[in-house]
N, C-alpha and C. Protein backbone atom coordinates (compact mmCIF):
# COMPACT_ATOMS: atom_id res chain seq x y z
N MET A 1 2.64 -1.62 15.96
CA MET A 1 0.96 -2.76 15.93
C MET A 1 1.39 -4.29 15.70
N TYR A 2 0.31 -4.77 16.40
CA TYR A 2 0.16 -6.00 15.85
C TYR A 2 -0.85 -6.41 15.09
N LEU A 3 -1.15 -7.55 14.24
CA LEU A 3 -2.05 -8.05 13.79
C LEU A 3 -2.25 -9.22 14.20
N HIS A 4 -3.66 -9.47 14.25
CA HIS A 4 -4.45 -10.67 14.80
C HIS A 4 -4.68 -11.72 13.96
N VAL A 5 -4.03 -12.59 13.86
CA VAL A 5 -4.00 -13.66 12.34
C VAL A 5 -5.28 -15.25 12.81
N GLY A 6 -5.49 -14.69 13.62
CA GLY A 6 -6.52 -16.19 14.17
C GLY A 6 -6.15 -16.89 15.60
N ASN A 7 -7.15 -17.57 16.11
CA ASN A 7 -6.57 -18.59 17.08
C ASN A 7 -5.87 -17.89 18.43
N ASN A 8 -6.11 -16.61 18.81
CA ASN A 8 -5.29 -15.62 19.62
C ASN A 8 -3.80 -15.54 19.32
N TYR A 9 -3.66 -16.08 18.18
CA TYR A 9 -2.21 -15.36 17.69
C TYR A 9 -1.92 -14.30 16.91
N VAL A 10 -1.01 -13.62 17.44
CA VAL A 10 -0.94 -12.13 16.67
C VAL A 10 0.57 -11.89 16.31
N VAL A 11 0.98 -10.97 15.40
CA VAL A 11 2.06 -11.01 14.56
C VAL A 11 2.34 -9.51 14.46
N ARG A 12 3.66 -8.97 14.74
CA ARG A 12 4.35 -7.89 14.75
C ARG A 12 4.08 -7.27 13.21
N ASN A 13 3.12 -6.15 12.97
CA ASN A 13 3.27 -5.52 11.38
C ASN A 13 4.73 -5.07 10.87
N ASP A 14 5.64 -4.96 11.49
CA ASP A 14 6.66 -4.87 10.83
C ASP A 14 7.49 -6.21 10.38
N GLU A 15 7.22 -7.65 11.16
CA GLU A 15 7.73 -8.37 10.47
C GLU A 15 6.93 -9.00 9.40
N ILE A 16 5.66 -8.82 9.21
CA ILE A 16 5.16 -9.24 7.95
C ILE A 16 5.55 -9.13 6.71
N ILE A 17 5.86 -9.76 6.08
CA ILE A 17 6.48 -9.54 4.32
C ILE A 17 5.29 -9.65 3.19
N GLY A 18 4.21 -10.48 3.63
CA GLY A 18 2.96 -10.51 2.56
C GLY A 18 2.08 -11.41 3.14
N ILE A 19 0.89 -11.17 3.03
CA ILE A 19 -0.18 -11.73 3.16
C ILE A 19 -1.38 -12.26 1.68
N PHE A 20 -1.56 -13.60 1.76
CA PHE A 20 -1.64 -14.27 0.60
C PHE A 20 -3.08 -15.01 0.67
N ASP A 21 -3.70 -14.86 -0.59
CA ASP A 21 -5.22 -15.92 -0.60
C ASP A 21 -4.79 -16.99 -1.20
N ILE A 22 -4.72 -18.30 -0.10
CA ILE A 22 -4.17 -19.54 -0.85
C ILE A 22 -5.71 -20.52 -1.40
N ARG A 23 -6.63 -19.84 -1.32
CA ARG A 23 -8.40 -20.34 -1.22
C ARG A 23 -7.95 -21.57 -2.50
N ASN A 24 -7.19 -21.08 -3.59
CA ASN A 24 -7.24 -21.52 -4.90
C ASN A 24 -5.76 -22.69 -4.69
N LYS A 25 -6.16 -24.02 -4.53
CA LYS A 25 -4.69 -24.55 -4.56
C LYS A 25 -3.76 -24.66 -5.85
N ARG A 26 -4.64 -24.03 -7.15
CA ARG A 26 -3.59 -24.37 -8.04
C ARG A 26 -2.47 -23.23 -8.80
N THR A 27 -2.93 -22.45 -7.59
CA THR A 27 -1.62 -21.07 -7.78
C THR A 27 0.09 -21.63 -7.78
N ASN A 28 0.80 -21.06 -8.27
CA ASN A 28 1.97 -20.97 -8.04
C ASN A 28 2.47 -20.70 -6.76
N LEU A 29 2.10 -19.92 -5.84
CA LEU A 29 2.32 -19.91 -4.68
C LEU A 29 2.43 -20.90 -3.45
N TYR A 30 1.15 -21.35 -3.94
CA TYR A 30 1.01 -22.89 -3.23
C TYR A 30 1.44 -23.71 -3.75
N ARG A 31 1.74 -24.10 -4.88
CA ARG A 31 2.39 -25.66 -5.68
C ARG A 31 3.76 -25.35 -5.27
N PHE A 32 4.77 -24.43 -5.26
CA PHE A 32 6.34 -24.16 -5.72
C PHE A 32 6.49 -23.80 -4.38
N PHE A 33 5.35 -22.98 -3.23
CA PHE A 33 6.34 -22.51 -2.08
C PHE A 33 5.77 -23.04 -0.86
N LEU A 34 4.44 -23.46 -0.70
CA LEU A 34 4.12 -23.20 0.42
C LEU A 34 3.69 -25.00 0.40
N LYS A 35 3.26 -25.64 -0.32
CA LYS A 35 2.76 -27.21 -0.53
C LYS A 35 4.38 -27.81 0.00
N PRO A 36 5.66 -27.32 -0.10
CA PRO A 36 7.03 -28.08 0.16
C PRO A 36 7.13 -27.73 1.62
N LYS A 37 6.82 -26.57 2.08
CA LYS A 37 7.00 -25.98 3.44
C LYS A 37 5.72 -26.66 4.36
N ILE A 38 4.33 -26.87 4.03
CA ILE A 38 3.62 -27.46 4.50
C ILE A 38 4.09 -29.54 4.72
N GLU A 39 4.78 -29.72 3.86
CA GLU A 39 4.71 -31.22 4.03
C GLU A 39 6.11 -31.54 4.61
N ALA A 40 7.08 -30.42 4.66
CA ALA A 40 8.19 -30.30 5.77
C ALA A 40 8.01 -30.08 7.27
N HIS A 41 6.63 -29.81 7.58
CA HIS A 41 6.30 -29.24 8.82
C HIS A 41 6.99 -28.06 8.90
N GLN A 42 7.01 -27.23 8.21
CA GLN A 42 7.74 -25.66 8.62
C GLN A 42 6.46 -24.56 8.88
N VAL A 43 5.43 -25.02 8.88
CA VAL A 43 4.54 -24.02 8.76
C VAL A 43 3.43 -24.04 10.10
N ILE A 44 2.82 -22.51 10.62
CA ILE A 44 2.49 -22.50 11.62
C ILE A 44 0.69 -22.73 11.03
N ASP A 45 0.04 -23.70 11.31
CA ASP A 45 -1.38 -23.92 11.14
C ASP A 45 -2.36 -23.44 12.13
N LEU A 46 -3.28 -22.33 11.74
CA LEU A 46 -3.99 -22.12 13.00
C LEU A 46 -5.25 -22.83 12.49
N THR A 47 -5.74 -23.33 11.74
CA THR A 47 -7.04 -23.44 11.46
C THR A 47 -7.19 -24.98 12.09
N GLU A 48 -8.07 -24.97 12.26
CA GLU A 48 -8.68 -26.60 13.01
C GLU A 48 -9.50 -27.43 12.11
N GLU A 49 -10.70 -27.10 12.17
CA GLU A 49 -11.39 -27.84 11.33
C GLU A 49 -11.55 -27.59 10.07
N PHE A 50 -11.22 -26.02 9.51
CA PHE A 50 -11.80 -25.58 8.17
C PHE A 50 -10.68 -25.28 7.14
N PRO A 51 -10.53 -25.45 6.18
CA PRO A 51 -9.55 -25.46 5.11
C PRO A 51 -8.78 -23.75 5.49
N PRO A 52 -7.56 -23.57 5.16
CA PRO A 52 -7.10 -21.80 5.72
C PRO A 52 -7.40 -21.19 4.32
N SER A 53 -7.62 -20.16 4.49
CA SER A 53 -7.82 -19.04 3.65
C SER A 53 -6.60 -18.01 3.16
N SER A 54 -5.85 -17.95 4.16
CA SER A 54 -4.68 -16.92 3.77
C SER A 54 -3.67 -17.86 4.56
N CYS A 55 -2.33 -17.18 3.62
CA CYS A 55 -0.94 -17.39 4.02
C CYS A 55 -0.54 -16.11 4.69
N VAL A 56 0.22 -15.85 6.35
CA VAL A 56 0.90 -14.73 6.35
C VAL A 56 2.38 -15.08 6.30
N VAL A 57 3.05 -14.53 5.69
CA VAL A 57 4.28 -14.97 5.63
C VAL A 57 5.18 -13.75 6.19
N THR A 58 6.11 -14.46 7.37
CA THR A 58 6.95 -13.07 8.10
C THR A 58 8.36 -13.13 7.65
N VAL A 59 9.19 -12.72 8.88
CA VAL A 59 10.56 -12.98 8.39
C VAL A 59 10.96 -13.92 8.99
N ASP A 60 10.33 -15.03 9.74
CA ASP A 60 10.94 -15.94 10.25
C ASP A 60 9.69 -17.09 9.99
N LYS A 61 8.63 -16.74 9.97
CA LYS A 61 7.46 -17.79 9.92
C LYS A 61 6.40 -17.92 8.86
N ILE A 62 6.06 -18.99 8.49
CA ILE A 62 4.70 -19.10 7.65
C ILE A 62 3.45 -19.41 8.25
N ILE A 63 2.42 -18.44 8.51
CA ILE A 63 1.45 -19.11 9.07
C ILE A 63 0.10 -19.10 8.42
N LEU A 64 -0.27 -20.13 8.44
CA LEU A 64 -1.76 -20.23 7.83
C LEU A 64 -2.93 -19.88 8.23
N SER A 65 -3.83 -19.32 8.07
CA SER A 65 -5.13 -18.50 9.11
C SER A 65 -6.71 -18.83 8.35
N GLY A 66 -7.26 -19.20 8.68
CA GLY A 66 -8.80 -19.41 8.41
C GLY A 66 -9.16 -18.18 7.84
N ILE A 67 -8.77 -16.95 7.84
CA ILE A 67 -9.32 -15.55 8.26
C ILE A 67 -8.95 -14.93 6.58
N SER A 68 -9.87 -14.24 6.18
CA SER A 68 -9.59 -14.03 4.62
C SER A 68 -8.62 -13.10 4.41
N SER A 69 -7.41 -13.16 3.25
CA SER A 69 -6.59 -12.10 3.41
C SER A 69 -6.99 -10.79 2.67
N LYS A 70 -7.88 -10.79 2.59
CA LYS A 70 -8.59 -9.28 2.43
C LYS A 70 -9.14 -8.80 3.82
N THR A 71 -9.65 -9.66 4.86
CA THR A 71 -9.67 -9.30 5.61
C THR A 71 -8.38 -8.95 6.90
N LEU A 72 -7.31 -9.51 6.86
CA LEU A 72 -6.31 -8.93 7.25
C LEU A 72 -5.87 -8.18 6.96
N GLN A 73 -5.94 -7.55 5.42
CA GLN A 73 -5.26 -6.32 5.13
C GLN A 73 -5.76 -5.35 5.32
N ARG A 74 -6.96 -5.31 5.93
CA ARG A 74 -7.64 -4.20 6.32
C ARG A 74 -7.47 -3.89 7.67
N ARG A 75 -7.38 -4.84 8.37
CA ARG A 75 -6.73 -4.63 10.10
C ARG A 75 -5.49 -3.66 10.33
């Protein structure tokens, strides 16, 4: 099965490691893991005009999505 994470981008379910809420920029996940990756341009950002709501970590990618983590987990 596939998960639609926004902007016509899909990810295979068996490749997903985790789906995380990143609306709070003070979390350790954001400060120590995600922020350095964003600064190094190692992240696929699917949000255009809006700040990202969730982060989908796969085997080989980190994807920022405007869809909330709760919505993605229900799909």
